[in-house]
Amino acid sequence: MTTVNMLEAKTHLSRLVEAIESGAETEIIIARNGKAAARLMPLAPKKAKIIFGIDKGTVTAPDDIDADSALVAKMFHGEPE
């Protein structure tokens, strides 16, 4: 964790933000008159919203999709002895 004074933070803000974005620093404290005043840290990544049924109606299964189920089961489990 790095601590910088207000003047340095104003002068080198781009460099400080770059250090946070790249992961070189996880947190930078900005001090005013020697006392911590603010914290510069990365934002949490936004989670993608899950949309159920987005492809509904675009994919169809053939009528005989289960025709070979017994064969597939034998391939996975082997023939009973």
Protein backbone atom coordinates (compact mmCIF):
# COMPACT_ATOMS: atom_id res chain seq x y z
CA MET A 1 0.00 0.00 0.00
CA THR A 2 1.44 3.32 -1.12
CA THR A 3 0.71 6.68 0.47
CA VAL A 4 1.04 9.90 -1.53
CA ASN A 5 0.38 13.50 -0.57
CA MET A 6 -2.33 15.59 -2.24
CA LEU A 7 0.05 17.54 -4.51
CA GLU A 8 1.70 14.35 -5.78
CA ALA A 9 -1.71 12.76 -6.37
CA LYS A 10 -2.85 15.78 -8.42
CA THR A 11 0.38 15.85 -10.40
CA HIS A 12 0.58 12.10 -11.10
CA LEU A 13 -3.07 11.03 -11.08
CA SER A 14 -2.81 9.22 -14.44
CA ARG A 15 0.23 7.26 -13.25
CA LEU A 16 -1.52 6.33 -10.00
CA VAL A 17 -4.66 5.16 -11.79
CA GLU A 18 -2.52 3.14 -14.22
CA ALA A 19 -0.79 1.44 -11.27
CA ILE A 20 -4.21 0.46 -9.87
CA GLU A 21 -5.52 -0.75 -13.25
CA SER A 22 -2.44 -2.85 -13.96
CA GLY A 23 -2.50 -4.44 -10.52
CA ALA A 24 0.91 -3.03 -9.56
CA GLU A 25 -0.86 -1.40 -6.59
CA THR A 26 -3.98 -2.71 -4.91
CA GLU A 27 -4.62 0.46 -2.95
CA ILE A 28 -3.15 3.98 -2.81
CA ILE A 29 -3.81 6.27 0.14
CA ILE A 30 -3.97 10.02 -0.55
CA ALA A 31 -2.98 12.13 2.42
CA ARG A 32 -3.62 15.77 3.25
CA ASN A 33 -1.30 17.37 5.80
CA GLY A 34 0.11 13.95 6.65
CA LYS A 35 -3.28 12.38 7.45
CA ALA A 36 -5.02 9.84 5.25
CA ALA A 37 -7.90 11.53 3.44
CA ALA A 38 -8.88 9.22 0.56
CA ARG A 39 -8.31 5.75 -0.83
CA LEU A 40 -7.71 4.99 -4.52
CA MET A 41 -8.58 1.38 -5.35
CA PRO A 42 -9.93 -0.61 -8.32
CA LEU A 43 -13.63 -0.90 -8.94
CA ALA A 44 -15.15 -4.35 -8.59
CA PRO A 45 -15.81 -5.84 -12.03
CA LYS A 46 -19.45 -5.75 -13.08
CA LYS A 47 -21.09 -9.14 -13.26
CA ALA A 48 -22.79 -9.99 -16.51
CA LYS A 49 -26.54 -10.13 -16.21
CA ILE A 50 -27.95 -13.59 -16.87
CA ILE A 51 -30.78 -13.55 -19.37
CA PHE A 52 -32.76 -16.78 -19.37
CA GLY A 53 -34.43 -17.89 -22.58
CA ILE A 54 -32.49 -15.56 -24.86
CA ASP A 55 -32.27 -18.25 -27.58
CA LYS A 56 -35.78 -19.60 -27.07
CA GLY A 57 -37.22 -20.80 -30.36
CA THR A 58 -33.94 -20.64 -32.29
CA VAL A 59 -32.82 -24.20 -31.54
CA THR A 60 -34.85 -27.30 -32.24
CA ALA A 61 -34.21 -30.96 -31.50
CA PRO A 62 -35.03 -33.70 -34.01
CA ASP A 63 -37.96 -35.97 -33.21
CA ASP A 64 -35.69 -39.04 -33.02
CA ILE A 65 -33.22 -37.49 -30.55
CA ASP A 66 -33.62 -40.38 -28.10
CA ALA A 67 -33.39 -43.13 -30.73
CA ASP A 68 -29.86 -44.16 -29.77
CA SER A 69 -30.11 -43.67 -25.98
CA ALA A 70 -29.67 -47.40 -25.29
CA LEU A 71 -26.53 -47.52 -27.47
CA VAL A 72 -25.06 -44.46 -25.73
CA ALA A 73 -25.78 -46.00 -22.31
CA LYS A 74 -23.98 -49.19 -23.35
CA MET A 75 -20.98 -47.13 -24.53
CA PHE A 76 -20.74 -45.39 -21.15
CA HIS A 77 -21.57 -48.28 -18.85
CA GLY A 78 -20.52 -51.27 -20.91
CA GLU A 79 -22.55 -54.35 -21.73
CA PRO A 80 -24.03 -56.17 -18.72
CA GLU A 81 -22.48 -59.61 -18.24
